[in-house]
Amino acid sequence: MAADLIRSPAVRLLHARQDHAICLRLAASYRVRLAAGETDQREAHAWALGLARRWRLTAAELSQSHPPPA
């Protein structure tokens, strides 16, 4: 991605962590709706959890390739 070439590794890591947190909050909101009986939200909940997992793995990869400053 062209945007990845412009952003520094530290910024990419920050954005991956932020996106992971956003997806977790989204999944939690779908879970609340599921608990309230809105079963049509099951697919959206699974989608948000899948994205959260992807961003968590991306953040883990980025944090290994970019150690924190000493």
PDB file of N, CA and C in Angstrom:
ATOM      1  N   MET A   1       0.834  -1.179   0.000  1.00  0.00           N
ATOM      2  CA  MET A   1       0.000   0.000   0.000  1.00  0.00           C
ATOM      3  C   MET A   1       0.881   1.246   0.000  1.00  0.00           C
ATOM      4  N   ALA A   2       0.498   2.210  -0.769  1.00  0.00           N
ATOM      5  CA  ALA A   2       1.274   3.430  -0.856  1.00  0.00           C
ATOM      6  C   ALA A   2       1.283   4.173   0.474  1.00  0.00           C
ATOM      7  N   ALA A   3       0.170   4.143   1.188  1.00  0.00           N
ATOM      8  CA  ALA A   3       0.094   4.851   2.467  1.00  0.00           C
ATOM      9  C   ALA A   3       1.049   4.237   3.488  1.00  0.00           C
ATOM     10  N   ASP A   4       1.260   2.910   3.435  1.00  0.00           N
ATOM     11  CA  ASP A   4       2.178   2.254   4.359  1.00  0.00           C
ATOM     12  C   ASP A   4       3.619   2.684   4.123  1.00  0.00           C
ATOM     13  N   LEU A   5       3.939   3.076   2.902  1.00  0.00           N
ATOM     14  CA  LEU A   5       5.292   3.520   2.606  1.00  0.00           C
ATOM     15  C   LEU A   5       5.570   4.892   3.201  1.00  0.00           C
ATOM     16  N   ILE A   6       4.544   5.681   3.402  1.00  0.00           N
ATOM     17  CA  ILE A   6       4.706   7.036   3.909  1.00  0.00           C
ATOM     18  C   ILE A   6       4.751   7.053   5.438  1.00  0.00           C
ATOM     19  N   ARG A   7       3.920   6.229   6.071  1.00  0.00           N
ATOM     20  CA  ARG A   7       3.852   6.231   7.531  1.00  0.00           C
ATOM     21  C   ARG A   7       5.042   5.504   8.139  1.00  0.00           C
ATOM     22  N   SER A   8       5.521   5.998   9.257  1.00  0.00           N
ATOM     23  CA  SER A   8       6.635   5.351   9.946  1.00  0.00           C
ATOM     24  C   SER A   8       6.140   4.070  10.607  1.00  0.00           C
ATOM     25  N   PRO A   9       7.043   3.141  10.915  1.00  0.00           N
ATOM     26  CA  PRO A   9       6.634   1.908  11.593  1.00  0.00           C
ATOM     27  C   PRO A   9       5.930   2.174  12.925  1.00  0.00           C
ATOM     28  N   ALA A  10       6.373   3.183  13.651  1.00  0.00           N
ATOM     29  CA  ALA A  10       5.747   3.493  14.935  1.00  0.00           C
ATOM     30  C   ALA A  10       4.296   3.960  14.742  1.00  0.00           C
ATOM     31  N   VAL A  11       4.056   4.738  13.708  1.00  0.00           N
ATOM     32  CA  VAL A  11       2.703   5.219  13.421  1.00  0.00           C
ATOM     33  C   VAL A  11       1.834   4.065  12.953  1.00  0.00           C
ATOM     34  N   ARG A  12       2.389   3.174  12.135  1.00  0.00           N
ATOM     35  CA  ARG A  12       1.630   2.009  11.689  1.00  0.00           C
ATOM     36  C   ARG A  12       1.245   1.129  12.873  1.00  0.00           C
ATOM     37  N   LEU A  13       2.149   0.962  13.827  1.00  0.00           N
ATOM     38  CA  LEU A  13       1.858   0.187  15.031  1.00  0.00           C
ATOM     39  C   LEU A  13       0.755   0.862  15.843  1.00  0.00           C
ATOM     40  N   LEU A  14       0.851   2.150  16.019  1.00  0.00           N
ATOM     41  CA  LEU A  14      -0.170   2.896  16.752  1.00  0.00           C
ATOM     42  C   LEU A  14      -1.541   2.740  16.093  1.00  0.00           C
ATOM     43  N   HIS A  15      -1.587   2.878  14.779  1.00  0.00           N
ATOM     44  CA  HIS A  15      -2.856   2.761  14.062  1.00  0.00           C
ATOM     45  C   HIS A  15      -3.418   1.346  14.154  1.00  0.00           C
ATOM     46  N   ALA A  16      -2.557   0.342  14.088  1.00  0.00           N
ATOM     47  CA  ALA A  16      -3.019  -1.042  14.213  1.00  0.00           C
ATOM     48  C   ALA A  16      -3.619  -1.273  15.594  1.00  0.00           C
ATOM     49  N   ARG A  17      -2.985  -0.737  16.629  1.00  0.00           N
ATOM     50  CA  ARG A  17      -3.518  -0.882  17.984  1.00  0.00           C
ATOM     51  C   ARG A  17      -4.846  -0.139  18.139  1.00  0.00           C
ATOM     52  N   GLN A  18      -4.943   1.040  17.561  1.00  0.00           N
ATOM     53  CA  GLN A  18      -6.190   1.801  17.624  1.00  0.00           C
ATOM     54  C   GLN A  18      -7.312   1.076  16.882  1.00  0.00           C
ATOM     55  N   ASP A  19      -7.007   0.547  15.707  1.00  0.00           N
ATOM     56  CA  ASP A  19      -8.013  -0.178  14.926  1.00  0.00           C
ATOM     57  C   ASP A  19      -8.461  -1.434  15.667  1.00  0.00           C
ATOM     58  N   HIS A  20      -7.532  -2.113  16.336  1.00  0.00           N
ATOM     59  CA  HIS A  20      -7.876  -3.293  17.134  1.00  0.00           C
ATOM     60  C   HIS A  20      -8.862  -2.906  18.233  1.00  0.00           C
ATOM     61  N   ALA A  21      -8.585  -1.818  18.931  1.00  0.00           N
ATOM     62  CA  ALA A  21      -9.472  -1.377  20.014  1.00  0.00           C
ATOM     63  C   ALA A  21     -10.853  -0.984  19.476  1.00  0.00           C
ATOM     64  N   ILE A  22     -10.889  -0.325  18.339  1.00  0.00           N
ATOM     65  CA  ILE A  22     -12.167   0.060  17.733  1.00  0.00           C
ATOM     66  C   ILE A  22     -12.980  -1.177  17.382  1.00  0.00           C
ATOM     67  N   CYS A  23     -12.336  -2.181  16.803  1.00  0.00           N
ATOM     68  CA  CYS A  23     -13.050  -3.409  16.427  1.00  0.00           C
ATOM     69  C   CYS A  23     -13.560  -4.151  17.658  1.00  0.00           C
ATOM     70  N   LEU A  24     -12.798  -4.134  18.750  1.00  0.00           N
ATOM     71  CA  LEU A  24     -13.269  -4.773  19.980  1.00  0.00           C
ATOM     72  C   LEU A  24     -14.500  -4.070  20.529  1.00  0.00           C
ATOM     73  N   ARG A  25     -14.495  -2.740  20.493  1.00  0.00           N
ATOM     74  CA  ARG A  25     -15.672  -1.996  20.955  1.00  0.00           C
ATOM     75  C   ARG A  25     -16.886  -2.272  20.063  1.00  0.00           C
ATOM     76  N   LEU A  26     -16.641  -2.355  18.770  1.00  0.00           N
ATOM     77  CA  LEU A  26     -17.720  -2.659  17.843  1.00  0.00           C
ATOM     78  C   LEU A  26     -18.283  -4.061  18.112  1.00  0.00           C
ATOM     79  N   ALA A  27     -17.400  -5.033  18.311  1.00  0.00           N
ATOM     80  CA  ALA A  27     -17.844  -6.397  18.608  1.00  0.00           C
ATOM     81  C   ALA A  27     -18.635  -6.431  19.908  1.00  0.00           C
ATOM     82  N   ALA A  28     -18.202  -5.656  20.889  1.00  0.00           N
ATOM     83  CA  ALA A  28     -18.921  -5.610  22.169  1.00  0.00           C
ATOM     84  C   ALA A  28     -20.324  -5.033  21.978  1.00  0.00           C
ATOM     85  N   SER A  29     -20.450  -4.027  21.131  1.00  0.00           N
ATOM     86  CA  SER A  29     -21.783  -3.452  20.906  1.00  0.00           C
ATOM     87  C   SER A  29     -22.691  -4.460  20.205  1.00  0.00           C
ATOM     88  N   TYR A  30     -22.139  -5.231  19.268  1.00  0.00           N
ATOM     89  CA  TYR A  30     -22.933  -6.275  18.624  1.00  0.00           C
ATOM     90  C   TYR A  30     -23.307  -7.365  19.629  1.00  0.00           C
ATOM     91  N   ARG A  31     -22.402  -7.686  20.545  1.00  0.00           N
ATOM     92  CA  ARG A  31     -22.675  -8.704  21.564  1.00  0.00           C
ATOM     93  C   ARG A  31     -23.830  -8.264  22.468  1.00  0.00           C
ATOM     94  N   VAL A  32     -23.858  -6.980  22.818  1.00  0.00           N
ATOM     95  CA  VAL A  32     -24.960  -6.455  23.630  1.00  0.00           C
ATOM     96  C   VAL A  32     -26.276  -6.594  22.875  1.00  0.00           C
ATOM     97  N   ARG A  33     -26.246  -6.280  21.594  1.00  0.00           N
ATOM     98  CA  ARG A  33     -27.465  -6.391  20.789  1.00  0.00           C
ATOM     99  C   ARG A  33     -27.899  -7.845  20.644  1.00  0.00           C
ATOM    100  N   LEU A  34     -26.914  -8.754  20.523  1.00  0.00           N
ATOM    101  CA  LEU A  34     -27.242 -10.178  20.475  1.00  0.00           C
ATOM    102  C   LEU A  34     -27.908 -10.621  21.776  1.00  0.00           C
ATOM    103  N   ALA A  35     -27.371 -10.163  22.893  1.00  0.00           N
ATOM    104  CA  ALA A  35     -27.930 -10.523  24.199  1.00  0.00           C
ATOM    105  C   ALA A  35     -29.345  -9.977  24.362  1.00  0.00           C
ATOM    106  N   ALA A  36     -29.628  -8.883  23.673  1.00  0.00           N
ATOM    107  CA  ALA A  36     -30.961  -8.289  23.743  1.00  0.00           C
ATOM    108  C   ALA A  36     -31.946  -8.991  22.802  1.00  0.00           C
ATOM    109  N   GLY A  37     -31.471  -9.997  22.094  1.00  0.00           N
ATOM    110  CA  GLY A  37     -32.355 -10.777  21.239  1.00  0.00           C
ATOM    111  C   GLY A  37     -32.271 -10.466  19.762  1.00  0.00           C
ATOM    112  N   GLU A  38     -31.378  -9.580  19.367  1.00  0.00           N
ATOM    113  CA  GLU A  38     -31.240  -9.230  17.946  1.00  0.00           C
ATOM    114  C   GLU A  38     -30.303 -10.234  17.270  1.00  0.00           C
ATOM    115  N   THR A  39     -30.804 -11.408  16.971  1.00  0.00           N
ATOM    116  CA  THR A  39     -29.961 -12.475  16.428  1.00  0.00           C
ATOM    117  C   THR A  39     -29.427 -12.168  15.033  1.00  0.00           C
ATOM    118  N   ASP A  40     -30.003 -11.183  14.351  1.00  0.00           N
ATOM    119  CA  ASP A  40     -29.489 -10.813  13.036  1.00  0.00           C
ATOM    120  C   ASP A  40     -28.116 -10.134  13.125  1.00  0.00           C
ATOM    121  N   GLN A  41     -27.658  -9.843  14.335  1.00  0.00           N
ATOM    122  CA  GLN A  41     -26.351  -9.192  14.520  1.00  0.00           C
ATOM    123  C   GLN A  41     -25.209 -10.203  14.674  1.00  0.00           C
ATOM    124  N   ARG A  42     -25.535 -11.489  14.615  1.00  0.00           N
ATOM    125  CA  ARG A  42     -24.521 -12.530  14.823  1.00  0.00           C
ATOM    126  C   ARG A  42     -23.405 -12.457  13.784  1.00  0.00           C
ATOM    127  N   GLU A  43     -23.759 -12.279  12.524  1.00  0.00           N
ATOM    128  CA  GLU A  43     -22.750 -12.200  11.467  1.00  0.00           C
ATOM    129  C   GLU A  43     -21.880 -10.945  11.628  1.00  0.00           C
ATOM    130  N   ALA A  44     -22.489  -9.845  11.976  1.00  0.00           N
ATOM    131  CA  ALA A  44     -21.729  -8.601  12.179  1.00  0.00           C
ATOM    132  C   ALA A  44     -20.776  -8.746  13.368  1.00  0.00           C
ATOM    133  N   HIS A  45     -21.217  -9.440  14.416  1.00  0.00           N
ATOM    134  CA  HIS A  45     -20.357  -9.669  15.586  1.00  0.00           C
ATOM    135  C   HIS A  45     -19.149 -10.507  15.185  1.00  0.00           C
ATOM    136  N   ALA A  46     -19.377 -11.573  14.430  1.00  0.00           N
ATOM    137  CA  ALA A  46     -18.269 -12.423  13.978  1.00  0.00           C
ATOM    138  C   ALA A  46     -17.313 -11.638  13.079  1.00  0.00           C
ATOM    139  N   TRP A  47     -17.860 -10.779  12.226  1.00  0.00           N
ATOM    140  CA  TRP A  47     -17.032  -9.953  11.345  1.00  0.00           C
ATOM    141  C   TRP A  47     -16.133  -9.019  12.166  1.00  0.00           C
ATOM    142  N   ALA A  48     -16.703  -8.359  13.159  1.00  0.00           N
ATOM    143  CA  ALA A  48     -15.924  -7.428  13.984  1.00  0.00           C
ATOM    144  C   ALA A  48     -14.849  -8.168  14.773  1.00  0.00           C
ATOM    145  N   LEU A  49     -15.177  -9.347  15.284  1.00  0.00           N
ATOM    146  CA  LEU A  49     -14.169 -10.138  15.998  1.00  0.00           C
ATOM    147  C   LEU A  49     -13.040 -10.574  15.068  1.00  0.00           C
ATOM    148  N   GLY A  50     -13.391 -10.939  13.841  1.00  0.00           N
ATOM    149  CA  GLY A  50     -12.371 -11.317  12.865  1.00  0.00           C
ATOM    150  C   GLY A  50     -11.427 -10.167  12.555  1.00  0.00           C
ATOM    151  N   LEU A  51     -11.983  -8.982  12.395  1.00  0.00           N
ATOM    152  CA  LEU A  51     -11.134  -7.810  12.159  1.00  0.00           C
ATOM    153  C   LEU A  51     -10.254  -7.512  13.368  1.00  0.00           C
ATOM    154  N   ALA A  52     -10.807  -7.648  14.556  1.00  0.00           N
ATOM    155  CA  ALA A  52     -10.020  -7.406  15.771  1.00  0.00           C
ATOM    156  C   ALA A  52      -8.843  -8.370  15.839  1.00  0.00           C
ATOM    157  N   ARG A  53      -9.090  -9.622  15.501  1.00  0.00           N
ATOM    158  CA  ARG A  53      -7.996 -10.606  15.494  1.00  0.00           C
ATOM    159  C   ARG A  53      -6.930 -10.224  14.479  1.00  0.00           C
ATOM    160  N   ARG A  54      -7.376  -9.813  13.302  1.00  0.00           N
ATOM    161  CA  ARG A  54      -6.420  -9.428  12.256  1.00  0.00           C
ATOM    162  C   ARG A  54      -5.558  -8.252  12.702  1.00  0.00           C
ATOM    163  N   TRP A  55      -6.188  -7.236  13.312  1.00  0.00           N
ATOM    164  CA  TRP A  55      -5.429  -6.074  13.768  1.00  0.00           C
ATOM    165  C   TRP A  55      -4.510  -6.420  14.929  1.00  0.00           C
ATOM    166  N   ARG A  56      -4.937  -7.360  15.799  1.00  0.00           N
ATOM    167  CA  ARG A  56      -4.074  -7.792  16.899  1.00  0.00           C
ATOM    168  C   ARG A  56      -2.820  -8.471  16.348  1.00  0.00           C
ATOM    169  N   LEU A  57      -2.991  -9.334  15.346  1.00  0.00           N
ATOM    170  CA  LEU A  57      -1.837 -10.011  14.728  1.00  0.00           C
ATOM    171  C   LEU A  57      -0.938  -9.012  14.008  1.00  0.00           C
ATOM    172  N   THR A  58      -1.551  -8.052  13.325  1.00  0.00           N
ATOM    173  CA  THR A  58      -0.763  -7.016  12.645  1.00  0.00           C
ATOM    174  C   THR A  58       0.045  -6.216  13.650  1.00  0.00           C
ATOM    175  N   ALA A  59      -0.583  -5.833  14.758  1.00  0.00           N
ATOM    176  CA  ALA A  59       0.127  -5.072  15.789  1.00  0.00           C
ATOM    177  C   ALA A  59       1.255  -5.901  16.389  1.00  0.00           C
ATOM    178  N   ALA A  60       1.026  -7.188  16.588  1.00  0.00           N
ATOM    179  CA  ALA A  60       2.072  -8.053  17.141  1.00  0.00           C
ATOM    180  C   ALA A  60       3.262  -8.140  16.187  1.00  0.00           C
ATOM    181  N   GLU A  61       2.985  -8.277  14.897  1.00  0.00           N
ATOM    182  CA  GLU A  61       4.061  -8.317  13.911  1.00  0.00           C
ATOM    183  C   GLU A  61       4.835  -7.007  13.878  1.00  0.00           C
ATOM    184  N   LEU A  62       4.113  -5.898  13.891  1.00  0.00           N
ATOM    185  CA  LEU A  62       4.761  -4.589  13.851  1.00  0.00           C
ATOM    186  C   LEU A  62       5.590  -4.321  15.111  1.00  0.00           C
ATOM    187  N   SER A  63       5.102  -4.776  16.258  1.00  0.00           N
ATOM    188  CA  SER A  63       5.847  -4.513  17.492  1.00  0.00           C
ATOM    189  C   SER A  63       7.125  -5.357  17.546  1.00  0.00           C
ATOM    190  N   GLN A  64       7.132  -6.515  16.896  1.00  0.00           N
ATOM    191  CA  GLN A  64       8.338  -7.332  16.857  1.00  0.00           C
ATOM    192  C   GLN A  64       9.364  -6.732  15.901  1.00  0.00           C
ATOM    193  N   SER A  65       8.893  -6.163  14.800  1.00  0.00           N
ATOM    194  CA  SER A  65       9.811  -5.594  13.831  1.00  0.00           C
ATOM    195  C   SER A  65      10.281  -4.200  14.200  1.00  0.00           C
ATOM    196  N   HIS A  66       9.618  -3.586  15.180  1.00  0.00           N
ATOM    197  CA  HIS A  66       9.979  -2.224  15.589  1.00  0.00           C
ATOM    198  C   HIS A  66      10.040  -2.172  17.117  1.00  0.00           C
ATOM    199  N   PRO A  67      11.208  -2.542  17.710  1.00  0.00           N
ATOM    200  CA  PRO A  67      11.295  -2.525  19.178  1.00  0.00           C
ATOM    201  C   PRO A  67      11.165  -1.104  19.727  1.00  0.00           C
ATOM    202  N   PRO A  68      10.655  -0.970  20.944  1.00  0.00           N
ATOM    203  CA  PRO A  68      10.508   0.366  21.532  1.00  0.00           C
ATOM    204  C   PRO A  68      11.874   1.021  21.752  1.00  0.00           C
ATOM    205  N   PRO A  69      11.920   2.350  21.728  1.00  0.00           N
ATOM    206  CA  PRO A  69      13.189   3.050  21.934  1.00  0.00           C
ATOM    207  C   PRO A  69      13.731   2.802  23.338  1.00  0.00           C
ATOM    208  N   ALA A  70      15.039   2.718  23.422  1.00  0.00           N
ATOM    209  CA  ALA A  70      15.684   2.429  24.713  1.00  0.00           C
ATOM    210  C   ALA A  70      15.842   3.650  25.565  1.00  0.00           C
TER     211      ALA A  70
END
